[in-house]
Amino acid sequence: VAQLGWLTHRGYLGPEVSVLQKTPISFDAAQWEVLACAAGARVVMSPPGSFRDPQAVIDAIHTYGVTCLQGVPTLLRALVDTGELDTCSTLTRIFSGGEALTRALAQELLRTLPGVSLVNLYGPTETTINATSLDVSPDTLDDEDLHILPIGRPADGVTCHILDENLRPVGTGRSGELYIGGVQVARGRFLTPPFPPAERLYRTGDLARWRPDGTIQYEGRTDNQVKLRGYRVELEEVASRVEEHMWVRKAAAVVTDNPRTGSQVLVAAVELNEHTAAVM
């Protein structure tokens, strides 16, 4: 209820909005697409599997006059690369979430669809979909030192805290771990900090810092977890499974850029055991 109320209050949902529901239902982000009709919006159900098919997404936008689209940056990049996104003249707002949004991709989206509203969303599943948002402005994109866009300000009823290792708030410009509180925090065992108000907080594992303008800058993880196409991936778990193979002595997993596709891929580097290496 809080999430839908915030989306409506921000002007993201309403009777004039047509939302394309194409996110798999197992993702938390699918929920507000499905429930957008509760805020008066029209929900267009895309063909099954279209979240993997940029052309199917573009066809659905054309056919049903979709005005609102959300997607992970990997999908948004694929839509730009089709060369047809500029024909989607009904689109008025694009939401990016699930992965870090780069300044370069944001610039391409706005060049492709001049006048479209681009919103960067952030929110772990444990804090009920979107916890923060940033309306991307030309001023944001003018900062040439900014590779990854900020994740913005908290949603209504959400509190964000950037704390050091002793759970003390850090000042503007200093890095710390992001903790989220407020009405959207899921039920369960979460941390209660030693400072008022004594609300339950979710420890995100994300490094962040407050920018001078009051927005939050995402700076990576405190562990080896990464986001790839919207999925949480534990690199150490991947490496350990690879090491279960009889040929492998040691393994490491990394996420790297694929120059052919322009998107990121998961790669495992392996050291073979002596017997296998000798045979090969």
Protein backbone atom coordinates (compact mmCIF):
# COMPACT_ATOMS: atom_id res chain seq x y z
CA VAL A 1 0.00 0.00 0.00
CA ALA A 2 2.81 2.41 0.90
CA GLN A 3 4.63 1.67 -2.35
CA LEU A 4 1.57 2.25 -4.53
CA GLY A 5 0.73 5.40 -2.59
CA TRP A 6 4.23 6.76 -3.17
CA LEU A 7 4.18 5.89 -6.89
CA THR A 8 0.89 7.76 -7.20
CA HIS A 9 2.05 10.73 -5.12
CA ARG A 10 5.14 11.07 -7.33
CA GLY A 11 2.94 11.15 -10.40
CA TYR A 12 4.33 7.86 -11.69
CA LEU A 13 0.91 6.15 -11.68
CA GLY A 14 -2.56 7.43 -12.50
CA PRO A 15 -5.44 7.17 -14.99
CA GLU A 16 -3.32 8.53 -17.85
CA VAL A 17 -0.62 5.87 -17.41
CA SER A 18 -0.38 2.58 -19.35
CA VAL A 19 2.14 0.20 -17.74
CA LEU A 20 3.69 -2.71 -19.63
CA GLN A 21 3.68 -5.76 -17.34
CA LYS A 22 6.60 -7.83 -18.61
CA THR A 23 8.73 -8.47 -15.48
CA PRO A 24 8.66 -12.15 -14.37
CA ILE A 25 6.39 -12.56 -11.35
CA SER A 26 9.27 -13.99 -9.29
CA PHE A 27 10.86 -10.50 -9.26
CA ASP A 28 9.61 -8.04 -6.66
CA ALA A 29 9.48 -5.33 -9.34
CA ALA A 30 6.67 -7.23 -11.08
CA GLN A 31 4.33 -6.50 -8.20
CA TRP A 32 3.84 -2.80 -8.83
CA GLU A 33 3.39 -3.47 -12.55
CA VAL A 34 0.57 -5.92 -11.76
CA LEU A 35 -1.00 -3.70 -9.08
CA ALA A 36 -0.73 -0.43 -11.03
CA CYS A 37 -4.43 -0.74 -11.85
CA ALA A 38 -5.16 -0.21 -8.13
CA ALA A 39 -3.82 3.32 -8.65
CA GLY A 40 -6.03 3.86 -11.70
CA ALA A 41 -3.43 2.98 -14.34
CA ARG A 42 -4.00 0.63 -17.28
CA VAL A 43 -1.95 -2.59 -17.20
CA VAL A 44 -0.90 -4.16 -20.50
CA MET A 45 0.13 -7.80 -20.19
CA SER A 46 3.00 -8.51 -22.56
CA PRO A 47 3.56 -11.92 -24.23
CA PRO A 48 5.28 -14.54 -22.03
CA GLY A 49 9.06 -14.29 -22.14
CA SER A 50 9.08 -10.80 -23.64
CA PHE A 51 11.46 -9.57 -20.93
CA ARG A 52 14.11 -11.48 -22.92
CA ASP A 53 12.90 -10.22 -26.31
CA PRO A 54 13.48 -6.51 -27.03
CA GLN A 55 11.50 -6.68 -30.27
CA ALA A 56 8.49 -8.13 -28.45
CA VAL A 57 8.65 -5.26 -25.96
CA ILE A 58 8.76 -2.67 -28.77
CA ASP A 59 5.89 -4.39 -30.58
CA ALA A 60 3.76 -4.34 -27.40
CA ILE A 61 4.49 -0.63 -26.88
CA HIS A 62 3.35 0.10 -30.44
CA THR A 63 0.27 -2.12 -30.32
CA TYR A 64 -1.12 -0.96 -26.99
CA GLY A 65 0.13 2.61 -26.71
CA VAL A 66 2.23 1.91 -23.61
CA THR A 67 3.36 5.06 -21.78
CA CYS A 68 5.35 3.54 -18.89
CA LEU A 69 8.13 0.95 -19.11
CA GLN A 70 10.50 -0.40 -16.50
CA GLY A 71 13.49 -2.62 -17.11
CA VAL A 72 16.95 -3.56 -15.96
CA PRO A 73 19.75 -1.65 -17.72
CA THR A 74 20.64 -4.79 -19.68
CA LEU A 75 17.19 -4.77 -21.31
CA LEU A 76 17.22 -1.00 -21.79
CA ARG A 77 20.58 -1.31 -23.58
CA ALA A 78 19.14 -4.03 -25.82
CA LEU A 79 16.15 -1.81 -26.65
CA VAL A 80 18.47 1.03 -27.67
CA ASP A 81 20.52 -1.37 -29.79
CA THR A 82 17.47 -2.46 -31.81
CA GLY A 83 17.49 0.97 -33.47
CA GLU A 84 13.69 1.09 -33.09
CA LEU A 85 13.23 2.54 -29.61
CA ASP A 86 12.88 6.01 -31.13
CA THR A 87 9.67 4.83 -32.83
CA CYS A 88 8.01 4.27 -29.43
CA SER A 89 6.43 7.72 -29.42
CA THR A 90 3.81 6.89 -26.77
CA LEU A 91 6.46 6.30 -24.10
CA THR A 92 6.58 9.15 -21.58
CA ARG A 93 8.47 7.50 -18.73
CA ILE A 94 11.18 4.84 -18.43
CA PHE A 95 12.18 3.29 -15.12
CA SER A 96 15.59 1.68 -14.68
CA GLY A 97 16.20 -0.69 -11.78
CA GLY A 98 17.77 -3.95 -10.65
CA GLU A 99 21.29 -2.96 -11.73
CA ALA A 100 23.44 0.16 -11.62
CA LEU A 101 22.46 2.70 -14.29
CA THR A 102 25.45 4.20 -16.08
CA ARG A 103 25.65 7.80 -17.22
CA ALA A 104 26.41 6.61 -20.76
CA LEU A 105 23.25 4.49 -21.02
CA ALA A 106 21.12 7.27 -19.51
CA GLN A 107 22.45 9.69 -22.12
CA GLU A 108 21.65 7.26 -24.94
CA LEU A 109 18.11 6.71 -23.67
CA LEU A 110 17.43 10.44 -23.52
CA ARG A 111 18.99 11.01 -26.94
CA THR A 112 16.87 8.24 -28.41
CA LEU A 113 13.63 9.47 -26.83
CA PRO A 114 13.96 13.24 -26.28
CA GLY A 115 11.51 14.48 -23.69
CA VAL A 116 10.99 11.10 -22.01
CA SER A 117 11.20 11.06 -18.20
CA LEU A 118 13.95 8.71 -16.98
CA VAL A 119 13.80 7.48 -13.37
CA ASN A 120 16.51 5.45 -11.63
CA LEU A 121 15.03 3.11 -9.00
CA TYR A 122 16.72 1.25 -6.15
CA GLY A 123 15.32 -1.17 -3.62
CA PRO A 124 16.17 -4.58 -2.18
CA THR A 125 13.34 -7.12 -2.11
CA GLU A 126 13.39 -6.96 1.70
CA THR A 127 12.26 -3.33 1.59
CA THR A 128 9.23 -3.91 -0.65
CA ILE A 129 10.25 -3.03 -4.18
CA ASN A 130 11.46 0.58 -4.63
CA ALA A 131 13.09 2.28 -1.65
CA THR A 132 14.70 5.26 -3.41
CA SER A 133 14.39 7.05 -6.75
CA LEU A 134 16.17 9.64 -8.85
CA ASP A 135 14.51 11.67 -11.62
CA VAL A 136 17.43 11.90 -14.04
CA SER A 137 18.01 15.51 -15.08
CA PRO A 138 20.41 17.08 -17.60
CA ASP A 139 22.33 18.54 -14.64
CA THR A 140 22.99 15.01 -13.37
CA LEU A 141 24.34 13.90 -16.74
CA ASP A 142 26.56 16.98 -17.08
CA ASP A 143 28.89 15.59 -14.39
CA GLU A 144 31.61 13.88 -16.47
CA ASP A 145 33.14 12.32 -13.34
CA LEU A 146 29.91 10.43 -12.64
CA HIS A 147 30.02 6.95 -14.18
CA ILE A 148 27.20 5.38 -12.12
CA LEU A 149 24.11 7.50 -11.51
CA PRO A 150 22.94 8.19 -7.93
CA ILE A 151 20.03 6.16 -6.58
CA GLY A 152 18.31 9.30 -5.37
CA ARG A 153 16.21 10.01 -2.28
CA PRO A 154 14.05 7.75 -0.07
CA ALA A 155 10.46 6.98 -1.00
CA ASP A 156 7.65 8.24 1.24
CA GLY A 157 7.76 6.49 4.60
CA VAL A 158 11.26 5.09 3.94
CA THR A 159 14.36 6.08 5.89
CA CYS A 160 17.94 5.61 4.68
CA HIS A 161 20.98 5.52 6.95
CA ILE A 162 24.61 5.31 5.89
CA LEU A 163 26.55 3.88 8.82
CA ASP A 164 30.14 2.96 9.63
CA GLU A 165 31.28 -0.39 11.04
CA ASN A 166 30.20 0.76 14.53
CA LEU A 167 26.69 1.64 13.32
CA ARG A 168 27.36 5.37 13.57
CA PRO A 169 26.04 7.70 10.85
CA VAL A 170 28.74 8.99 8.49
CA GLY A 171 28.91 12.54 7.18
CA THR A 172 28.27 13.79 3.65
CA GLY A 173 30.84 12.52 1.18
CA ARG A 174 32.01 9.63 3.37
CA SER A 175 31.33 6.02 2.41
CA GLY A 176 29.48 3.59 4.63
CA GLU A 177 26.97 0.78 4.46
CA LEU A 178 23.39 1.58 3.52
CA TYR A 179 20.64 0.57 5.97
CA ILE A 180 16.95 1.03 5.18
CA GLY A 181 14.07 1.51 7.61
CA GLY A 182 10.47 2.63 7.58
CA VAL A 183 7.10 1.26 6.61
CA GLN A 184 8.35 -0.86 3.69
CA VAL A 185 10.82 -3.01 5.66
CA ALA A 186 9.67 -6.63 5.60
CA ARG A 187 8.70 -8.47 8.74
CA GLY A 188 11.54 -10.48 10.20
CA ARG A 189 14.70 -10.25 12.25
CA PHE A 190 16.44 -7.08 11.27
CA LEU A 191 18.80 -4.77 13.07
CA THR A 192 17.68 -2.19 15.64
CA PRO A 193 20.33 0.57 15.75
CA PRO A 194 21.62 2.26 18.92
CA PHE A 195 20.24 5.67 17.92
CA PRO A 196 16.72 7.10 17.76
CA PRO A 197 14.26 6.37 16.39
CA ALA A 198 14.58 2.73 17.41
CA GLU A 199 13.17 1.35 14.14
CA ARG A 200 14.03 -1.93 12.50
CA LEU A 201 16.61 -1.52 9.74
CA TYR A 202 17.52 -3.78 6.84
CA ARG A 203 21.25 -4.10 6.26
CA THR A 204 21.62 -3.95 2.48
CA GLY A 205 25.30 -4.86 2.12
CA ASP A 206 25.62 -1.93 -0.31
CA LEU A 207 28.25 0.76 0.04
CA ALA A 208 26.96 4.29 -0.41
CA ARG A 209 27.55 7.93 0.46
CA TRP A 210 25.45 11.05 0.82
CA ARG A 211 26.02 13.57 -1.96
CA PRO A 212 25.97 17.31 -1.22
CA ASP A 213 22.57 17.60 -2.94
CA GLY A 214 21.01 15.10 -0.53
CA THR A 215 20.90 12.16 -2.92
CA ILE A 216 22.56 8.79 -2.32
CA GLN A 217 25.44 7.54 -4.44
CA TYR A 218 25.75 3.76 -4.77
CA GLU A 219 29.39 2.63 -4.58
CA GLY A 220 29.33 -1.16 -4.77
CA ARG A 221 29.07 -4.03 -2.32
CA THR A 222 30.65 -4.83 1.03
CA ASP A 223 30.92 -8.47 -0.07
CA ASN A 224 31.29 -10.42 -3.32
CA GLN A 225 27.62 -10.31 -4.24
CA VAL A 226 26.90 -8.77 -7.63
CA LYS A 227 23.78 -7.94 -9.63
CA LEU A 228 23.61 -9.42 -13.12
CA ARG A 229 20.51 -8.80 -15.24
CA GLY A 230 18.57 -8.16 -12.04
CA TYR A 231 19.67 -11.38 -10.30
CA ARG A 232 21.71 -11.43 -7.10
CA VAL A 233 24.79 -13.57 -7.67
CA GLU A 234 27.24 -14.68 -4.96
CA LEU A 235 30.58 -15.01 -6.76
CA GLU A 236 32.05 -17.27 -4.08
CA GLU A 237 29.12 -19.68 -4.41
CA VAL A 238 29.61 -19.86 -8.17
CA ALA A 239 33.33 -20.52 -7.76
CA SER A 240 32.73 -23.23 -5.17
CA ARG A 241 30.32 -25.07 -7.49
CA VAL A 242 32.83 -24.90 -10.35
CA GLU A 243 35.48 -26.35 -8.03
CA GLU A 244 33.29 -29.41 -7.49
CA HIS A 245 34.21 -30.55 -11.01
CA MET A 246 36.80 -33.31 -10.95
CA TRP A 247 39.06 -31.46 -13.41
CA VAL A 248 39.24 -28.22 -11.42
CA ARG A 249 41.73 -27.45 -8.67
CA LYS A 250 40.73 -23.81 -7.99
CA ALA A 251 38.25 -21.38 -9.49
CA ALA A 252 37.27 -17.73 -9.33
CA ALA A 253 34.16 -16.02 -10.68
CA VAL A 254 33.97 -12.44 -11.95
CA VAL A 255 31.54 -10.23 -13.82
CA THR A 256 33.09 -8.53 -16.83
CA ASP A 257 32.03 -6.51 -19.86
CA ASN A 258 31.36 -8.33 -23.11
CA PRO A 259 32.68 -6.04 -25.87
CA ARG A 260 30.62 -7.86 -28.51
CA THR A 261 27.24 -7.32 -26.85
CA GLY A 262 28.02 -4.29 -24.69
CA SER A 263 26.49 -6.05 -21.64
CA GLN A 264 28.03 -7.81 -18.67
CA VAL A 265 28.63 -11.56 -18.41
CA LEU A 266 29.58 -13.97 -15.64
CA VAL A 267 32.95 -15.63 -16.23
CA ALA A 268 34.70 -18.40 -14.29
CA ALA A 269 38.50 -18.65 -14.40
CA VAL A 270 39.83 -22.06 -13.47
CA GLU A 271 43.11 -23.69 -12.53
CA LEU A 272 43.05 -27.30 -13.67
CA ASN A 273 44.44 -30.08 -11.51
CA GLU A 274 47.80 -31.48 -12.56
CA HIS A 275 46.43 -34.73 -14.03
CA THR A 276 43.90 -32.94 -16.26
CA ALA A 277 46.45 -30.34 -17.39
CA ALA A 278 48.92 -33.06 -18.35
CA VAL A 279 46.30 -34.92 -20.42
CA MET A 280 45.26 -31.75 -22.23
